[in-house]
Amino acid sequence: MLIETEHLKQLPPADTERARIIRAVIEEIRPNLQRDGGDCELIEIDGNKVMVRLKGACVFCKLSSATLEGIQARVVEKLGELVRIIPVAGAAAKARH
């Protein structure tokens, strides 16, 4: 996901690294979702809340909650801190970090 350069300059180094790790985990999982006709998009990081949007086949999949739990577990593992993955609906928005 692309982020405006000037926005990155305003973030403290720890926040930038944290956002990079979260984005990397989502990017790592996306090919598996896309293979089944779905996708996951990072929307916003607000403290320990990470908002994502499930797209395509993931929207109506019975296993979407398991997908979100898997993403959350992987982010927690990589960050070493508790975060909560929150699914959001609606039109695409620019990710804020």
PDB file of N, CA and C in Angstrom:
ATOM      1  N   MET A   1       0.851  -1.169   0.000  1.00  0.00           N
ATOM      2  CA  MET A   1       0.000   0.000   0.000  1.00  0.00           C
ATOM      3  C   MET A   1       0.901   1.238   0.000  1.00  0.00           C
ATOM      4  N   LEU A   2       0.597   2.206  -0.818  1.00  0.00           N
ATOM      5  CA  LEU A   2       1.403   3.412  -0.917  1.00  0.00           C
ATOM      6  C   LEU A   2       0.987   4.432   0.131  1.00  0.00           C
ATOM      7  N   ILE A   3       1.977   5.122   0.662  1.00  0.00           N
ATOM      8  CA  ILE A   3       1.732   6.169   1.657  1.00  0.00           C
ATOM      9  C   ILE A   3       2.466   7.406   1.186  1.00  0.00           C
ATOM     10  N   GLU A   4       1.855   8.557   1.391  1.00  0.00           N
ATOM     11  CA  GLU A   4       2.493   9.793   0.971  1.00  0.00           C
ATOM     12  C   GLU A   4       3.790   9.999   1.752  1.00  0.00           C
ATOM     13  N   THR A   5       4.851  10.400   1.047  1.00  0.00           N
ATOM     14  CA  THR A   5       6.163  10.551   1.650  1.00  0.00           C
ATOM     15  C   THR A   5       6.169  11.541   2.797  1.00  0.00           C
ATOM     16  N   GLU A   6       5.508  12.682   2.631  1.00  0.00           N
ATOM     17  CA  GLU A   6       5.537  13.681   3.698  1.00  0.00           C
ATOM     18  C   GLU A   6       4.838  13.179   4.959  1.00  0.00           C
ATOM     19  N   HIS A   7       3.843  12.287   4.812  1.00  0.00           N
ATOM     20  CA  HIS A   7       3.160  11.731   5.977  1.00  0.00           C
ATOM     21  C   HIS A   7       4.120  10.832   6.766  1.00  0.00           C
ATOM     22  N   LEU A   8       4.944  10.067   6.067  1.00  0.00           N
ATOM     23  CA  LEU A   8       5.910   9.205   6.744  1.00  0.00           C
ATOM     24  C   LEU A   8       6.923  10.010   7.545  1.00  0.00           C
ATOM     25  N   LYS A   9       7.324  11.160   7.057  1.00  0.00           N
ATOM     26  CA  LYS A   9       8.314  11.981   7.742  1.00  0.00           C
ATOM     27  C   LYS A   9       7.795  12.487   9.089  1.00  0.00           C
ATOM     28  N   GLN A  10       6.477  12.589   9.246  1.00  0.00           N
ATOM     29  CA  GLN A  10       5.901  13.122  10.469  1.00  0.00           C
ATOM     30  C   GLN A  10       5.803  12.079  11.578  1.00  0.00           C
ATOM     31  N   LEU A  11       5.929  10.801  11.251  1.00  0.00           N
ATOM     32  CA  LEU A  11       5.775   9.755  12.242  1.00  0.00           C
ATOM     33  C   LEU A  11       7.072   9.534  13.012  1.00  0.00           C
ATOM     34  N   PRO A  12       6.973   9.288  14.324  1.00  0.00           N
ATOM     35  CA  PRO A  12       8.162   8.910  15.079  1.00  0.00           C
ATOM     36  C   PRO A  12       8.697   7.582  14.540  1.00  0.00           C
ATOM     37  N   PRO A  13      10.006   7.332  14.629  1.00  0.00           N
ATOM     38  CA  PRO A  13      10.586   6.103  14.063  1.00  0.00           C
ATOM     39  C   PRO A  13       9.917   4.823  14.562  1.00  0.00           C
ATOM     40  N   ALA A  14       9.549   4.747  15.835  1.00  0.00           N
ATOM     41  CA  ALA A  14       8.904   3.541  16.358  1.00  0.00           C
ATOM     42  C   ALA A  14       7.556   3.304  15.681  1.00  0.00           C
ATOM     43  N   ASP A  15       6.777   4.373  15.455  1.00  0.00           N
ATOM     44  CA  ASP A  15       5.486   4.233  14.793  1.00  0.00           C
ATOM     45  C   ASP A  15       5.645   3.808  13.346  1.00  0.00           C
ATOM     46  N   THR A  16       6.652   4.339  12.679  1.00  0.00           N
ATOM     47  CA  THR A  16       6.907   3.974  11.292  1.00  0.00           C
ATOM     48  C   THR A  16       7.260   2.492  11.202  1.00  0.00           C
ATOM     49  N   GLU A  17       8.110   2.015  12.085  1.00  0.00           N
ATOM     50  CA  GLU A  17       8.500   0.599  12.094  1.00  0.00           C
ATOM     51  C   GLU A  17       7.297  -0.281  12.425  1.00  0.00           C
ATOM     52  N   ARG A  18       6.509   0.130  13.358  1.00  0.00           N
ATOM     53  CA  ARG A  18       5.305  -0.611  13.757  1.00  0.00           C
ATOM     54  C   ARG A  18       4.338  -0.732  12.577  1.00  0.00           C
ATOM     55  N   ALA A  19       4.085   0.366  11.889  1.00  0.00           N
ATOM     56  CA  ALA A  19       3.201   0.356  10.719  1.00  0.00           C
ATOM     57  C   ALA A  19       3.791  -0.520   9.617  1.00  0.00           C
ATOM     58  N   ARG A  20       5.098  -0.478   9.435  1.00  0.00           N
ATOM     59  CA  ARG A  20       5.752  -1.309   8.418  1.00  0.00           C
ATOM     60  C   ARG A  20       5.544  -2.793   8.716  1.00  0.00           C
ATOM     61  N   ILE A  21       5.670  -3.177   9.973  1.00  0.00           N
ATOM     62  CA  ILE A  21       5.486  -4.570  10.369  1.00  0.00           C
ATOM     63  C   ILE A  21       4.045  -5.014  10.128  1.00  0.00           C
ATOM     64  N   ILE A  22       3.095  -4.177  10.501  1.00  0.00           N
ATOM     65  CA  ILE A  22       1.679  -4.510  10.305  1.00  0.00           C
ATOM     66  C   ILE A  22       1.369  -4.663   8.826  1.00  0.00           C
ATOM     67  N   ARG A  23       1.849  -3.716   8.008  1.00  0.00           N
ATOM     68  CA  ARG A  23       1.632  -3.811   6.553  1.00  0.00           C
ATOM     69  C   ARG A  23       2.268  -5.072   5.991  1.00  0.00           C
ATOM     70  N   ALA A  24       3.472  -5.417   6.469  1.00  0.00           N
ATOM     71  CA  ALA A  24       4.182  -6.597   5.969  1.00  0.00           C
ATOM     72  C   ALA A  24       3.404  -7.883   6.268  1.00  0.00           C
ATOM     73  N   VAL A  25       2.823  -7.965   7.455  1.00  0.00           N
ATOM     74  CA  VAL A  25       2.034  -9.154   7.808  1.00  0.00           C
ATOM     75  C   VAL A  25       0.825  -9.277   6.884  1.00  0.00           C
ATOM     76  N   ILE A  26       0.139  -8.183   6.661  1.00  0.00           N
ATOM     77  CA  ILE A  26      -1.034  -8.214   5.778  1.00  0.00           C
ATOM     78  C   ILE A  26      -0.616  -8.587   4.360  1.00  0.00           C
ATOM     79  N   GLU A  27       0.472  -8.018   3.885  1.00  0.00           N
ATOM     80  CA  GLU A  27       0.957  -8.343   2.533  1.00  0.00           C
ATOM     81  C   GLU A  27       1.362  -9.814   2.420  1.00  0.00           C
ATOM     82  N   GLU A  28       1.851 -10.377   3.506  1.00  0.00           N
ATOM     83  CA  GLU A  28       2.258 -11.777   3.540  1.00  0.00           C
ATOM     84  C   GLU A  28       1.046 -12.705   3.395  1.00  0.00           C
ATOM     85  N   ILE A  29      -0.089 -12.303   3.940  1.00  0.00           N
ATOM     86  CA  ILE A  29      -1.298 -13.126   3.943  1.00  0.00           C
ATOM     87  C   ILE A  29      -2.139 -12.927   2.681  1.00  0.00           C
ATOM     88  N   ARG A  30      -2.049 -11.759   2.064  1.00  0.00           N
ATOM     89  CA  ARG A  30      -2.904 -11.416   0.925  1.00  0.00           C
ATOM     90  C   ARG A  30      -2.874 -12.420  -0.231  1.00  0.00           C
ATOM     91  N   PRO A  31      -1.709 -12.968  -0.637  1.00  0.00           N
ATOM     92  CA  PRO A  31      -1.729 -13.914  -1.767  1.00  0.00           C
ATOM     93  C   PRO A  31      -2.633 -15.125  -1.518  1.00  0.00           C
ATOM     94  N   ASN A  32      -2.678 -15.612  -0.286  1.00  0.00           N
ATOM     95  CA  ASN A  32      -3.556 -16.741   0.035  1.00  0.00           C
ATOM     96  C   ASN A  32      -5.017 -16.347  -0.113  1.00  0.00           C
ATOM     97  N   LEU A  33      -5.362 -15.152   0.325  1.00  0.00           N
ATOM     98  CA  LEU A  33      -6.740 -14.675   0.198  1.00  0.00           C
ATOM     99  C   LEU A  33      -7.094 -14.460  -1.271  1.00  0.00           C
ATOM    100  N   GLN A  34      -6.178 -13.865  -2.026  1.00  0.00           N
ATOM    101  CA  GLN A  34      -6.416 -13.575  -3.438  1.00  0.00           C
ATOM    102  C   GLN A  34      -6.575 -14.855  -4.253  1.00  0.00           C
ATOM    103  N   ARG A  35      -5.875 -15.899  -3.855  1.00  0.00           N
ATOM    104  CA  ARG A  35      -5.977 -17.182  -4.551  1.00  0.00           C
ATOM    105  C   ARG A  35      -7.415 -17.724  -4.478  1.00  0.00           C
ATOM    106  N   ASP A  36      -8.126 -17.385  -3.401  1.00  0.00           N
ATOM    107  CA  ASP A  36      -9.507 -17.829  -3.231  1.00  0.00           C
ATOM    108  C   ASP A  36     -10.523 -16.766  -3.633  1.00  0.00           C
ATOM    109  N   GLY A  37     -10.071 -15.686  -4.275  1.00  0.00           N
ATOM    110  CA  GLY A  37     -10.976 -14.655  -4.758  1.00  0.00           C
ATOM    111  C   GLY A  37     -11.275 -13.555  -3.758  1.00  0.00           C
ATOM    112  N   GLY A  38     -10.516 -13.489  -2.682  1.00  0.00           N
ATOM    113  CA  GLY A  38     -10.722 -12.458  -1.670  1.00  0.00           C
ATOM    114  C   GLY A  38      -9.522 -11.539  -1.564  1.00  0.00           C
ATOM    115  N   ASP A  39      -9.535 -10.691  -0.557  1.00  0.00           N
ATOM    116  CA  ASP A  39      -8.415  -9.786  -0.325  1.00  0.00           C
ATOM    117  C   ASP A  39      -8.606  -9.101   1.022  1.00  0.00           C
ATOM    118  N   CYS A  40      -7.545  -8.458   1.498  1.00  0.00           N
ATOM    119  CA  CYS A  40      -7.578  -7.715   2.753  1.00  0.00           C
ATOM    120  C   CYS A  40      -6.798  -6.423   2.541  1.00  0.00           C
ATOM    121  N   GLU A  41      -7.367  -5.319   2.976  1.00  0.00           N
ATOM    122  CA  GLU A  41      -6.760  -4.004   2.788  1.00  0.00           C
ATOM    123  C   GLU A  41      -6.603  -3.317   4.143  1.00  0.00           C
ATOM    124  N   LEU A  42      -5.409  -2.802   4.416  1.00  0.00           N
ATOM    125  CA  LEU A  42      -5.174  -2.028   5.631  1.00  0.00           C
ATOM    126  C   LEU A  42      -5.823  -0.663   5.461  1.00  0.00           C
ATOM    127  N   ILE A  43      -6.650  -0.275   6.437  1.00  0.00           N
ATOM    128  CA  ILE A  43      -7.348   1.004   6.372  1.00  0.00           C
ATOM    129  C   ILE A  43      -6.713   2.028   7.304  1.00  0.00           C
ATOM    130  N   GLU A  44      -6.503   1.643   8.557  1.00  0.00           N
ATOM    131  CA  GLU A  44      -6.000   2.607   9.525  1.00  0.00           C
ATOM    132  C   GLU A  44      -5.384   1.890  10.710  1.00  0.00           C
ATOM    133  N   ILE A  45      -4.381   2.517  11.319  1.00  0.00           N
ATOM    134  CA  ILE A  45      -3.803   2.049  12.570  1.00  0.00           C
ATOM    135  C   ILE A  45      -4.031   3.157  13.581  1.00  0.00           C
ATOM    136  N   ASP A  46      -4.741   2.821  14.652  1.00  0.00           N
ATOM    137  CA  ASP A  46      -5.064   3.794  15.692  1.00  0.00           C
ATOM    138  C   ASP A  46      -4.718   3.168  17.039  1.00  0.00           C
ATOM    139  N   GLY A  47      -3.513   3.423  17.517  1.00  0.00           N
ATOM    140  CA  GLY A  47      -3.064   2.808  18.762  1.00  0.00           C
ATOM    141  C   GLY A  47      -2.963   1.313  18.595  1.00  0.00           C
ATOM    142  N   ASN A  48      -3.694   0.571  19.438  1.00  0.00           N
ATOM    143  CA  ASN A  48      -3.650  -0.888  19.333  1.00  0.00           C
ATOM    144  C   ASN A  48      -4.757  -1.438  18.435  1.00  0.00           C
ATOM    145  N   LYS A  49      -5.499  -0.557  17.753  1.00  0.00           N
ATOM    146  CA  LYS A  49      -6.553  -0.972  16.836  1.00  0.00           C
ATOM    147  C   LYS A  49      -6.044  -0.882  15.398  1.00  0.00           C
ATOM    148  N   VAL A  50      -6.187  -1.988  14.674  1.00  0.00           N
ATOM    149  CA  VAL A  50      -5.777  -2.050  13.277  1.00  0.00           C
ATOM    150  C   VAL A  50      -7.032  -2.337  12.463  1.00  0.00           C
ATOM    151  N   MET A  51      -7.484  -1.340  11.696  1.00  0.00           N
ATOM    152  CA  MET A  51      -8.694  -1.494  10.898  1.00  0.00           C
ATOM    153  C   MET A  51      -8.327  -2.019   9.514  1.00  0.00           C
ATOM    154  N   VAL A  52      -9.037  -3.080   9.113  1.00  0.00           N
ATOM    155  CA  VAL A  52      -8.828  -3.682   7.800  1.00  0.00           C
ATOM    156  C   VAL A  52     -10.174  -3.849   7.115  1.00  0.00           C
ATOM    157  N   ARG A  53     -10.140  -3.953   5.800  1.00  0.00           N
ATOM    158  CA  ARG A  53     -11.350  -4.213   5.026  1.00  0.00           C
ATOM    159  C   ARG A  53     -11.132  -5.512   4.269  1.00  0.00           C
ATOM    160  N   LEU A  54     -12.033  -6.471   4.492  1.00  0.00           N
ATOM    161  CA  LEU A  54     -12.024  -7.688   3.702  1.00  0.00           C
ATOM    162  C   LEU A  54     -12.766  -7.412   2.408  1.00  0.00           C
ATOM    163  N   LYS A  55     -12.281  -7.970   1.302  1.00  0.00           N
ATOM    164  CA  LYS A  55     -12.878  -7.698  -0.001  1.00  0.00           C
ATOM    165  C   LYS A  55     -13.110  -9.008  -0.752  1.00  0.00           C
ATOM    166  N   GLY A  56     -13.905  -8.930  -1.791  1.00  0.00           N
ATOM    167  CA  GLY A  56     -14.151 -10.083  -2.649  1.00  0.00           C
ATOM    168  C   GLY A  56     -14.827 -11.221  -1.915  1.00  0.00           C
ATOM    169  N   ALA A  57     -14.350 -12.435  -2.153  1.00  0.00           N
ATOM    170  CA  ALA A  57     -14.948 -13.625  -1.555  1.00  0.00           C
ATOM    171  C   ALA A  57     -14.869 -13.615  -0.030  1.00  0.00           C
ATOM    172  N   CYS A  58     -13.923 -12.881   0.535  1.00  0.00           N
ATOM    173  CA  CYS A  58     -13.778 -12.830   1.998  1.00  0.00           C
ATOM    174  C   CYS A  58     -14.969 -12.166   2.684  1.00  0.00           C
ATOM    175  N   VAL A  59     -15.659 -11.294   1.979  1.00  0.00           N
ATOM    176  CA  VAL A  59     -16.763 -10.541   2.579  1.00  0.00           C
ATOM    177  C   VAL A  59     -17.856 -11.477   3.083  1.00  0.00           C
ATOM    178  N   PHE A  60     -18.197 -12.496   2.315  1.00  0.00           N
ATOM    179  CA  PHE A  60     -19.289 -13.390   2.680  1.00  0.00           C
ATOM    180  C   PHE A  60     -18.819 -14.760   3.149  1.00  0.00           C
ATOM    181  N   CYS A  61     -17.526 -14.940   3.300  1.00  0.00           N
ATOM    182  CA  CYS A  61     -16.974 -16.236   3.692  1.00  0.00           C
ATOM    183  C   CYS A  61     -17.273 -16.530   5.159  1.00  0.00           C
ATOM    184  N   LYS A  62     -17.667 -17.760   5.435  1.00  0.00           N
ATOM    185  CA  LYS A  62     -17.944 -18.179   6.806  1.00  0.00           C
ATOM    186  C   LYS A  62     -16.676 -18.225   7.649  1.00  0.00           C
ATOM    187  N   LEU A  63     -15.534 -18.293   7.004  1.00  0.00           N
ATOM    188  CA  LEU A  63     -14.260 -18.378   7.721  1.00  0.00           C
ATOM    189  C   LEU A  63     -13.566 -17.025   7.867  1.00  0.00           C
ATOM    190  N   SER A  64     -14.264 -15.936   7.531  1.00  0.00           N
ATOM    191  CA  SER A  64     -13.618 -14.621   7.604  1.00  0.00           C
ATOM    192  C   SER A  64     -13.174 -14.284   9.025  1.00  0.00           C
ATOM    193  N   SER A  65     -13.931 -14.707  10.030  1.00  0.00           N
ATOM    194  CA  SER A  65     -13.509 -14.429  11.411  1.00  0.00           C
ATOM    195  C   SER A  65     -12.226 -15.180  11.733  1.00  0.00           C
ATOM    196  N   ALA A  66     -12.068 -16.385  11.195  1.00  0.00           N
ATOM    197  CA  ALA A  66     -10.824 -17.133  11.392  1.00  0.00           C
ATOM    198  C   ALA A  66      -9.664 -16.442  10.669  1.00  0.00           C
ATOM    199  N   THR A  67      -9.933 -15.876   9.506  1.00  0.00           N
ATOM    200  CA  THR A  67      -8.918 -15.123   8.772  1.00  0.00           C
ATOM    201  C   THR A  67      -8.450 -13.930   9.597  1.00  0.00           C
ATOM    202  N   LEU A  68      -9.395 -13.188  10.159  1.00  0.00           N
ATOM    203  CA  LEU A  68      -9.051 -12.025  10.980  1.00  0.00           C
ATOM    204  C   LEU A  68      -8.272 -12.440  12.223  1.00  0.00           C
ATOM    205  N   GLU A  69      -8.672 -13.540  12.848  1.00  0.00           N
ATOM    206  CA  GLU A  69      -7.946 -14.045  14.020  1.00  0.00           C
ATOM    207  C   GLU A  69      -6.521 -14.439  13.646  1.00  0.00           C
ATOM    208  N   GLY A  70      -6.364 -15.046  12.472  1.00  0.00           N
ATOM    209  CA  GLY A  70      -5.030 -15.433  12.002  1.00  0.00           C
ATOM    210  C   GLY A  70      -4.149 -14.228  11.736  1.00  0.00           C
ATOM    211  N   ILE A  71      -4.716 -13.193  11.127  1.00  0.00           N
ATOM    212  CA  ILE A  71      -3.970 -11.956  10.886  1.00  0.00           C
ATOM    213  C   ILE A  71      -3.562 -11.340  12.219  1.00  0.00           C
ATOM    214  N   GLN A  72      -4.503 -11.293  13.147  1.00  0.00           N
ATOM    215  CA  GLN A  72      -4.221 -10.709  14.459  1.00  0.00           C
ATOM    216  C   GLN A  72      -3.111 -11.483  15.173  1.00  0.00           C
ATOM    217  N   ALA A  73      -3.188 -12.803  15.164  1.00  0.00           N
ATOM    218  CA  ALA A  73      -2.170 -13.614  15.831  1.00  0.00           C
ATOM    219  C   ALA A  73      -0.790 -13.363  15.233  1.00  0.00           C
ATOM    220  N   ARG A  74      -0.736 -13.258  13.923  1.00  0.00           N
ATOM    221  CA  ARG A  74       0.550 -13.038  13.240  1.00  0.00           C
ATOM    222  C   ARG A  74       1.105 -11.644  13.554  1.00  0.00           C
ATOM    223  N   VAL A  75       0.239 -10.626  13.573  1.00  0.00           N
ATOM    224  CA  VAL A  75       0.678  -9.264  13.906  1.00  0.00           C
ATOM    225  C   VAL A  75       1.183  -9.222  15.346  1.00  0.00           C
ATOM    226  N   VAL A  76       0.454  -9.841  16.263  1.00  0.00           N
ATOM    227  CA  VAL A  76       0.870  -9.869  17.674  1.00  0.00           C
ATOM    228  C   VAL A  76       2.223 -10.564  17.800  1.00  0.00           C
ATOM    229  N   GLU A  77       2.388 -11.667  17.085  1.00  0.00           N
ATOM    230  CA  GLU A  77       3.655 -12.412  17.115  1.00  0.00           C
ATOM    231  C   GLU A  77       4.817 -11.550  16.624  1.00  0.00           C
ATOM    232  N   LYS A  78       4.621 -10.854  15.523  1.00  0.00           N
ATOM    233  CA  LYS A  78       5.688 -10.033  14.929  1.00  0.00           C
ATOM    234  C   LYS A  78       5.982  -8.781  15.743  1.00  0.00           C
ATOM    235  N   LEU A  79       4.931  -8.142  16.280  1.00  0.00           N
ATOM    236  CA  LEU A  79       5.109  -6.891  17.031  1.00  0.00           C
ATOM    237  C   LEU A  79       5.541  -7.130  18.472  1.00  0.00           C
ATOM    238  N   GLY A  80       5.109  -8.245  19.041  1.00  0.00           N
ATOM    239  CA  GLY A  80       5.383  -8.494  20.446  1.00  0.00           C
ATOM    240  C   GLY A  80       4.497  -7.668  21.361  1.00  0.00           C
ATOM    241  N   GLU A  81       3.364  -7.226  20.853  1.00  0.00           N
ATOM    242  CA  GLU A  81       2.403  -6.466  21.647  1.00  0.00           C
ATOM    243  C   GLU A  81       1.001  -6.795  21.171  1.00  0.00           C
ATOM    244  N   LEU A  82       0.036  -6.605  22.055  1.00  0.00           N
ATOM    245  CA  LEU A  82      -1.343  -6.924  21.731  1.00  0.00           C
ATOM    246  C   LEU A  82      -1.957  -5.844  20.836  1.00  0.00           C
ATOM    247  N   VAL A  83      -2.536  -6.287  19.733  1.00  0.00           N
ATOM    248  CA  VAL A  83      -3.307  -5.397  18.857  1.00  0.00           C
ATOM    249  C   VAL A  83      -4.623  -6.093  18.550  1.00  0.00           C
ATOM    250  N   ARG A  84      -5.579  -5.316  18.120  1.00  0.00           N
ATOM    251  CA  ARG A  84      -6.883  -5.863  17.769  1.00  0.00           C
ATOM    252  C   ARG A  84      -7.163  -5.544  16.310  1.00  0.00           C
ATOM    253  N   ILE A  85      -7.440  -6.571  15.528  1.00  0.00           N
ATOM    254  CA  ILE A  85      -7.806  -6.395  14.125  1.00  0.00           C
ATOM    255  C   ILE A  85      -9.315  -6.163  14.076  1.00  0.00           C
ATOM    256  N   ILE A  86      -9.707  -5.049  13.474  1.00  0.00           N
ATOM    257  CA  ILE A  86     -11.121  -4.671  13.408  1.00  0.00           C
ATOM    258  C   ILE A  86     -11.535  -4.568  11.942  1.00  0.00           C
ATOM    259  N   PRO A  87     -12.514  -5.388  11.520  1.00  0.00           N
ATOM    260  CA  PRO A  87     -12.995  -5.284  10.140  1.00  0.00           C
ATOM    261  C   PRO A  87     -13.895  -4.077   9.985  1.00  0.00           C
ATOM    262  N   VAL A  88     -13.743  -3.353   8.889  1.00  0.00           N
ATOM    263  CA  VAL A  88     -14.589  -2.202   8.594  1.00  0.00           C
ATOM    264  C   VAL A  88     -15.240  -2.411   7.231  1.00  0.00           C
ATOM    265  N   ALA A  89     -16.359  -1.764   7.037  1.00  0.00           N
ATOM    266  CA  ALA A  89     -17.080  -1.848   5.765  1.00  0.00           C
ATOM    267  C   ALA A  89     -17.146  -0.469   5.145  1.00  0.00           C
ATOM    268  N   GLY A  90     -17.503  -0.412   3.876  1.00  0.00           N
ATOM    269  CA  GLY A  90     -17.699   0.877   3.220  1.00  0.00           C
ATOM    270  C   GLY A  90     -16.681   1.104   2.120  1.00  0.00           C
ATOM    271  N   ALA A  91     -16.715   2.320   1.586  1.00  0.00           N
ATOM    272  CA  ALA A  91     -15.836   2.696   0.481  1.00  0.00           C
ATOM    273  C   ALA A  91     -14.392   2.726   0.939  1.00  0.00           C
ATOM    274  N   ALA A  92     -13.487   2.519   0.013  1.00  0.00           N
ATOM    275  CA  ALA A  92     -12.059   2.529   0.315  1.00  0.00           C
ATOM    276  C   ALA A  92     -11.627   3.899   0.837  1.00  0.00           C
ATOM    277  N   ALA A  93     -10.760   3.886   1.804  1.00  0.00           N
ATOM    278  CA  ALA A  93     -10.219   5.116   2.372  1.00  0.00           C
ATOM    279  C   ALA A  93      -8.703   5.023   2.371  1.00  0.00           C
ATOM    280  N   LYS A  94      -8.050   6.156   2.402  1.00  0.00           N
ATOM    281  CA  LYS A  94      -6.596   6.170   2.447  1.00  0.00           C
ATOM    282  C   LYS A  94      -6.149   5.741   3.830  1.00  0.00           C
ATOM    283  N   ALA A  95      -5.185   4.815   3.899  1.00  0.00           N
ATOM    284  CA  ALA A  95      -4.691   4.340   5.187  1.00  0.00           C
ATOM    285  C   ALA A  95      -3.985   5.462   5.924  1.00  0.00           C
ATOM    286  N   ARG A  96      -4.305   5.594   7.207  1.00  0.00           N
ATOM    287  CA  ARG A  96      -3.625   6.572   8.063  1.00  0.00           C
ATOM    288  C   ARG A  96      -2.788   5.805   9.076  1.00  0.00           C
ATOM    289  N   HIS A  97      -1.535   6.245   9.242  1.00  0.00           N
ATOM    290  CA  HIS A  97      -0.641   5.561  10.181  1.00  0.00           C
ATOM    291  C   HIS A  97       0.024   6.584  11.044  1.00  0.00           C
TER     292      HIS A  97
END
